[in-house]
Amino acid sequence: MNVRKTIVIIGIDLLILVELSVALYFSAQGGVADMPALFLKIFVPAVIATILVGRLALRKARV
């Protein structure tokens, strides 16, 4: 595996972990009743954006 691809994959993984932590933190601030909906509102768009940018970065690293 290419070294640049490995670095991109590790970066994507770390970003997803950070997004998960931030989404859990902010959803817990909203209260127990609103937590699932708020978590999904924060986490899903962030992960989709990260995956799309990550795929573009992997294509760029392939060259």
PDB file of N, CA and C in Angstrom:
ATOM      1  N   MET A   1       0.844  -1.178   0.000  1.00  0.00           N
ATOM      2  CA  MET A   1       0.000   0.000   0.000  1.00  0.00           C
ATOM      3  C   MET A   1       0.888   1.239   0.000  1.00  0.00           C
ATOM      4  N   ASN A   2       0.447   2.232  -0.719  1.00  0.00           N
ATOM      5  CA  ASN A   2       1.156   3.482  -0.833  1.00  0.00           C
ATOM      6  C   ASN A   2       1.175   4.205   0.524  1.00  0.00           C
ATOM      7  N   VAL A   3       2.287   4.855   0.824  1.00  0.00           N
ATOM      8  CA  VAL A   3       2.427   5.550   2.102  1.00  0.00           C
ATOM      9  C   VAL A   3       1.436   6.707   2.189  1.00  0.00           C
ATOM     10  N   ARG A   4       1.251   7.435   1.092  1.00  0.00           N
ATOM     11  CA  ARG A   4       0.306   8.557   1.107  1.00  0.00           C
ATOM     12  C   ARG A   4      -1.119   8.072   1.322  1.00  0.00           C
ATOM     13  N   LYS A   5      -1.480   6.932   0.721  1.00  0.00           N
ATOM     14  CA  LYS A   5      -2.813   6.372   0.941  1.00  0.00           C
ATOM     15  C   LYS A   5      -3.003   5.982   2.396  1.00  0.00           C
ATOM     16  N   THR A   6      -1.978   5.417   2.997  1.00  0.00           N
ATOM     17  CA  THR A   6      -2.050   5.027   4.400  1.00  0.00           C
ATOM     18  C   THR A   6      -2.258   6.242   5.293  1.00  0.00           C
ATOM     19  N   ILE A   7      -1.554   7.318   5.006  1.00  0.00           N
ATOM     20  CA  ILE A   7      -1.696   8.541   5.797  1.00  0.00           C
ATOM     21  C   ILE A   7      -3.101   9.117   5.642  1.00  0.00           C
ATOM     22  N   VAL A   8      -3.640   9.090   4.422  1.00  0.00           N
ATOM     23  CA  VAL A   8      -4.995   9.604   4.183  1.00  0.00           C
ATOM     24  C   VAL A   8      -6.014   8.766   4.947  1.00  0.00           C
ATOM     25  N   ILE A   9      -5.875   7.454   4.927  1.00  0.00           N
ATOM     26  CA  ILE A   9      -6.811   6.569   5.620  1.00  0.00           C
ATOM     27  C   ILE A   9      -6.753   6.790   7.134  1.00  0.00           C
ATOM     28  N   ILE A  10      -5.563   6.931   7.670  1.00  0.00           N
ATOM     29  CA  ILE A  10      -5.423   7.202   9.111  1.00  0.00           C
ATOM     30  C   ILE A  10      -6.057   8.549   9.454  1.00  0.00           C
ATOM     31  N   GLY A  11      -5.860   9.546   8.600  1.00  0.00           N
ATOM     32  CA  GLY A  11      -6.471  10.852   8.825  1.00  0.00           C
ATOM     33  C   GLY A  11      -7.987  10.791   8.804  1.00  0.00           C
ATOM     34  N   ILE A  12      -8.544  10.039   7.865  1.00  0.00           N
ATOM     35  CA  ILE A  12      -9.999   9.876   7.781  1.00  0.00           C
ATOM     36  C   ILE A  12     -10.519   9.202   9.052  1.00  0.00           C
ATOM     37  N   ASP A  13      -9.845   8.158   9.480  1.00  0.00           N
ATOM     38  CA  ASP A  13     -10.263   7.455  10.697  1.00  0.00           C
ATOM     39  C   ASP A  13     -10.239   8.363  11.923  1.00  0.00           C
ATOM     40  N   LEU A  14      -9.196   9.148  12.042  1.00  0.00           N
ATOM     41  CA  LEU A  14      -9.102  10.068  13.175  1.00  0.00           C
ATOM     42  C   LEU A  14     -10.192  11.135  13.126  1.00  0.00           C
ATOM     43  N   LEU A  15     -10.471  11.649  11.937  1.00  0.00           N
ATOM     44  CA  LEU A  15     -11.541  12.643  11.807  1.00  0.00           C
ATOM     45  C   LEU A  15     -12.893  12.065  12.197  1.00  0.00           C
ATOM     46  N   ILE A  16     -13.159  10.831  11.803  1.00  0.00           N
ATOM     47  CA  ILE A  16     -14.433  10.203  12.157  1.00  0.00           C
ATOM     48  C   ILE A  16     -14.528  10.003  13.670  1.00  0.00           C
ATOM     49  N   LEU A  17     -13.430   9.630  14.312  1.00  0.00           N
ATOM     50  CA  LEU A  17     -13.440   9.496  15.777  1.00  0.00           C
ATOM     51  C   LEU A  17     -13.692  10.833  16.464  1.00  0.00           C
ATOM     52  N   VAL A  18     -13.075  11.893  15.944  1.00  0.00           N
ATOM     53  CA  VAL A  18     -13.292  13.225  16.516  1.00  0.00           C
ATOM     54  C   VAL A  18     -14.747  13.645  16.313  1.00  0.00           C
ATOM     55  N   GLU A  19     -15.286  13.397  15.124  1.00  0.00           N
ATOM     56  CA  GLU A  19     -16.681  13.745  14.856  1.00  0.00           C
ATOM     57  C   GLU A  19     -17.629  12.986  15.780  1.00  0.00           C
ATOM     58  N   LEU A  20     -17.331  11.728  16.027  1.00  0.00           N
ATOM     59  CA  LEU A  20     -18.153  10.929  16.935  1.00  0.00           C
ATOM     60  C   LEU A  20     -18.127  11.512  18.343  1.00  0.00           C
ATOM     61  N   SER A  21     -16.934  11.873  18.803  1.00  0.00           N
ATOM     62  CA  SER A  21     -16.805  12.444  20.149  1.00  0.00           C
ATOM     63  C   SER A  21     -17.536  13.777  20.265  1.00  0.00           C
ATOM     64  N   VAL A  22     -17.375  14.629  19.273  1.00  0.00           N
ATOM     65  CA  VAL A  22     -18.020  15.941  19.303  1.00  0.00           C
ATOM     66  C   VAL A  22     -19.538  15.790  19.239  1.00  0.00           C
ATOM     67  N   ALA A  23     -20.019  14.885  18.386  1.00  0.00           N
ATOM     68  CA  ALA A  23     -21.464  14.673  18.269  1.00  0.00           C
ATOM     69  C   ALA A  23     -22.044  14.141  19.576  1.00  0.00           C
ATOM     70  N   LEU A  24     -21.353  13.228  20.229  1.00  0.00           N
ATOM     71  CA  LEU A  24     -21.823  12.721  21.520  1.00  0.00           C
ATOM     72  C   LEU A  24     -21.818  13.807  22.580  1.00  0.00           C
ATOM     73  N   TYR A  25     -20.788  14.627  22.595  1.00  0.00           N
ATOM     74  CA  TYR A  25     -20.703  15.703  23.589  1.00  0.00           C
ATOM     75  C   TYR A  25     -21.850  16.694  23.416  1.00  0.00           C
ATOM     76  N   PHE A  26     -22.048  17.183  22.190  1.00  0.00           N
ATOM     77  CA  PHE A  26     -23.090  18.190  21.970  1.00  0.00           C
ATOM     78  C   PHE A  26     -24.494  17.616  22.099  1.00  0.00           C
ATOM     79  N   SER A  27     -24.683  16.358  21.744  1.00  0.00           N
ATOM     80  CA  SER A  27     -26.014  15.766  21.901  1.00  0.00           C
ATOM     81  C   SER A  27     -26.337  15.518  23.374  1.00  0.00           C
ATOM     82  N   ALA A  28     -25.331  15.268  24.191  1.00  0.00           N
ATOM     83  CA  ALA A  28     -25.569  15.081  25.623  1.00  0.00           C
ATOM     84  C   ALA A  28     -25.954  16.396  26.296  1.00  0.00           C
ATOM     85  N   GLN A  29     -25.534  17.515  25.731  1.00  0.00           N
ATOM     86  CA  GLN A  29     -25.872  18.817  26.294  1.00  0.00           C
ATOM     87  C   GLN A  29     -27.350  19.147  26.112  1.00  0.00           C
ATOM     88  N   GLY A  30     -27.994  18.527  25.115  1.00  0.00           N
ATOM     89  CA  GLY A  30     -29.380  18.832  24.812  1.00  0.00           C
ATOM     90  C   GLY A  30     -30.385  18.150  25.710  1.00  0.00           C
ATOM     91  N   GLY A  31     -29.988  17.184  26.464  1.00  0.00           N
ATOM     92  CA  GLY A  31     -30.902  16.454  27.330  1.00  0.00           C
ATOM     93  C   GLY A  31     -31.126  15.047  26.812  1.00  0.00           C
ATOM     94  N   VAL A  32     -31.620  14.189  27.684  1.00  0.00           N
ATOM     95  CA  VAL A  32     -31.768  12.772  27.356  1.00  0.00           C
ATOM     96  C   VAL A  32     -32.835  12.542  26.286  1.00  0.00           C
ATOM     97  N   ALA A  33     -33.915  13.299  26.326  1.00  0.00           N
ATOM     98  CA  ALA A  33     -35.019  13.082  25.386  1.00  0.00           C
ATOM     99  C   ALA A  33     -34.633  13.439  23.954  1.00  0.00           C
ATOM    100  N   ASP A  34     -33.797  14.450  23.787  1.00  0.00           N
ATOM    101  CA  ASP A  34     -33.424  14.908  22.451  1.00  0.00           C
ATOM    102  C   ASP A  34     -32.112  14.315  21.950  1.00  0.00           C
ATOM    103  N   MET A  35     -31.459  13.506  22.749  1.00  0.00           N
ATOM    104  CA  MET A  35     -30.115  13.052  22.425  1.00  0.00           C
ATOM    105  C   MET A  35     -30.026  12.284  21.100  1.00  0.00           C
ATOM    106  N   PRO A  36     -30.865  11.280  20.826  1.00  0.00           N
ATOM    107  CA  PRO A  36     -30.698  10.537  19.570  1.00  0.00           C
ATOM    108  C   PRO A  36     -30.871  11.405  18.320  1.00  0.00           C
ATOM    109  N   ALA A  37     -31.886  12.240  18.319  1.00  0.00           N
ATOM    110  CA  ALA A  37     -32.134  13.073  17.143  1.00  0.00           C
ATOM    111  C   ALA A  37     -31.016  14.092  16.947  1.00  0.00           C
ATOM    112  N   LEU A  38     -30.568  14.691  18.020  1.00  0.00           N
ATOM    113  CA  LEU A  38     -29.494  15.675  17.932  1.00  0.00           C
ATOM    114  C   LEU A  38     -28.180  15.028  17.514  1.00  0.00           C
ATOM    115  N   PHE A  39     -27.920  13.825  18.021  1.00  0.00           N
ATOM    116  CA  PHE A  39     -26.715  13.094  17.636  1.00  0.00           C
ATOM    117  C   PHE A  39     -26.711  12.828  16.141  1.00  0.00           C
ATOM    118  N   LEU A  40     -27.829  12.353  15.618  1.00  0.00           N
ATOM    119  CA  LEU A  40     -27.896  12.053  14.190  1.00  0.00           C
ATOM    120  C   LEU A  40     -27.793  13.317  13.345  1.00  0.00           C
ATOM    121  N   LYS A  41     -28.365  14.418  13.816  1.00  0.00           N
ATOM    122  CA  LYS A  41     -28.275  15.689  13.085  1.00  0.00           C
ATOM    123  C   LYS A  41     -26.832  16.169  12.967  1.00  0.00           C
ATOM    124  N   ILE A  42     -26.051  15.910  13.982  1.00  0.00           N
ATOM    125  CA  ILE A  42     -24.663  16.371  13.990  1.00  0.00           C
ATOM    126  C   ILE A  42     -23.750  15.366  13.287  1.00  0.00           C
ATOM    127  N   PHE A  43     -23.895  14.100  13.605  1.00  0.00           N
ATOM    128  CA  PHE A  43     -22.922  13.091  13.187  1.00  0.00           C
ATOM    129  C   PHE A  43     -23.049  12.703  11.716  1.00  0.00           C
ATOM    130  N   VAL A  44     -24.260  12.459  11.249  1.00  0.00           N
ATOM    131  CA  VAL A  44     -24.434  11.932   9.889  1.00  0.00           C
ATOM    132  C   VAL A  44     -23.910  12.898   8.817  1.00  0.00           C
ATOM    133  N   PRO A  45     -24.273  14.174   8.836  1.00  0.00           N
ATOM    134  CA  PRO A  45     -23.721  15.058   7.792  1.00  0.00           C
ATOM    135  C   PRO A  45     -22.195  15.190   7.863  1.00  0.00           C
ATOM    136  N   ALA A  46     -21.662  15.193   9.079  1.00  0.00           N
ATOM    137  CA  ALA A  46     -20.212  15.314   9.225  1.00  0.00           C
ATOM    138  C   ALA A  46     -19.500  14.091   8.661  1.00  0.00           C
ATOM    139  N   VAL A  47     -20.045  12.905   8.919  1.00  0.00           N
ATOM    140  CA  VAL A  47     -19.415  11.679   8.413  1.00  0.00           C
ATOM    141  C   VAL A  47     -19.536  11.592   6.894  1.00  0.00           C
ATOM    142  N   ILE A  48     -20.672  11.982   6.364  1.00  0.00           N
ATOM    143  CA  ILE A  48     -20.841  11.955   4.908  1.00  0.00           C
ATOM    144  C   ILE A  48     -19.828  12.884   4.245  1.00  0.00           C
ATOM    145  N   ALA A  49     -19.672  14.082   4.798  1.00  0.00           N
ATOM    146  CA  ALA A  49     -18.692  15.027   4.244  1.00  0.00           C
ATOM    147  C   ALA A  49     -17.273  14.479   4.352  1.00  0.00           C
ATOM    148  N   THR A  50     -16.950  13.863   5.477  1.00  0.00           N
ATOM    149  CA  THR A  50     -15.612  13.305   5.664  1.00  0.00           C
ATOM    150  C   THR A  50     -15.340  12.170   4.688  1.00  0.00           C
ATOM    151  N   ILE A  51     -16.318  11.324   4.475  1.00  0.00           N
ATOM    152  CA  ILE A  51     -16.130  10.204   3.551  1.00  0.00           C
ATOM    153  C   ILE A  51     -15.968  10.700   2.115  1.00  0.00           C
ATOM    154  N   LEU A  52     -16.760  11.687   1.730  1.00  0.00           N
ATOM    155  CA  LEU A  52     -16.637  12.222   0.369  1.00  0.00           C
ATOM    156  C   LEU A  52     -15.278  12.887   0.150  1.00  0.00           C
ATOM    157  N   VAL A  53     -14.860  13.704   1.092  1.00  0.00           N
ATOM    158  CA  VAL A  53     -13.554  14.351   0.972  1.00  0.00           C
ATOM    159  C   VAL A  53     -12.438  13.312   1.046  1.00  0.00           C
ATOM    160  N   GLY A  54     -12.622  12.299   1.873  1.00  0.00           N
ATOM    161  CA  GLY A  54     -11.631  11.232   1.973  1.00  0.00           C
ATOM    162  C   GLY A  54     -11.488  10.450   0.686  1.00  0.00           C
ATOM    163  N   ARG A  55     -12.607  10.186   0.022  1.00  0.00           N
ATOM    164  CA  ARG A  55     -12.531   9.480  -1.263  1.00  0.00           C
ATOM    165  C   ARG A  55     -11.796  10.312  -2.302  1.00  0.00           C
ATOM    166  N   LEU A  56     -12.065  11.614  -2.309  1.00  0.00           N
ATOM    167  CA  LEU A  56     -11.334  12.492  -3.229  1.00  0.00           C
ATOM    168  C   LEU A  56      -9.843  12.506  -2.903  1.00  0.00           C
ATOM    169  N   ALA A  57      -9.518  12.542  -1.628  1.00  0.00           N
ATOM    170  CA  ALA A  57      -8.115  12.538  -1.211  1.00  0.00           C
ATOM    171  C   ALA A  57      -7.439  11.218  -1.575  1.00  0.00           C
ATOM    172  N   LEU A  58      -8.163  10.107  -1.463  1.00  0.00           N
ATOM    173  CA  LEU A  58      -7.576   8.818  -1.847  1.00  0.00           C
ATOM    174  C   LEU A  58      -7.328   8.753  -3.342  1.00  0.00           C
ATOM    175  N   ARG A  59      -8.237   9.295  -4.137  1.00  0.00           N
ATOM    176  CA  ARG A  59      -8.009   9.326  -5.583  1.00  0.00           C
ATOM    177  C   ARG A  59      -6.792  10.196  -5.916  1.00  0.00           C
ATOM    178  N   LYS A  60      -6.647  11.293  -5.204  1.00  0.00           N
ATOM    179  CA  LYS A  60      -5.508  12.184  -5.425  1.00  0.00           C
ATOM    180  C   LYS A  60      -4.207  11.512  -4.987  1.00  0.00           C
ATOM    181  N   ALA A  61      -4.263  10.728  -3.909  1.00  0.00           N
ATOM    182  CA  ALA A  61      -3.064  10.049  -3.394  1.00  0.00           C
ATOM    183  C   ALA A  61      -2.645   8.896  -4.285  1.00  0.00           C
ATOM    184  N   ARG A  62      -3.573   8.390  -5.086  1.00  0.00           N
ATOM    185  CA  ARG A  62      -3.266   7.275  -5.971  1.00  0.00           C
ATOM    186  C   ARG A  62      -2.306   7.667  -7.081  1.00  0.00           C
ATOM    187  N   VAL A  63      -2.309   8.935  -7.435  1.00  0.00           N
ATOM    188  CA  VAL A  63      -1.482   9.413  -8.558  1.00  0.00           C
ATOM    189  C   VAL A  63      -0.034   9.456  -8.198  1.00  0.00           C
TER     190      VAL A  63
END
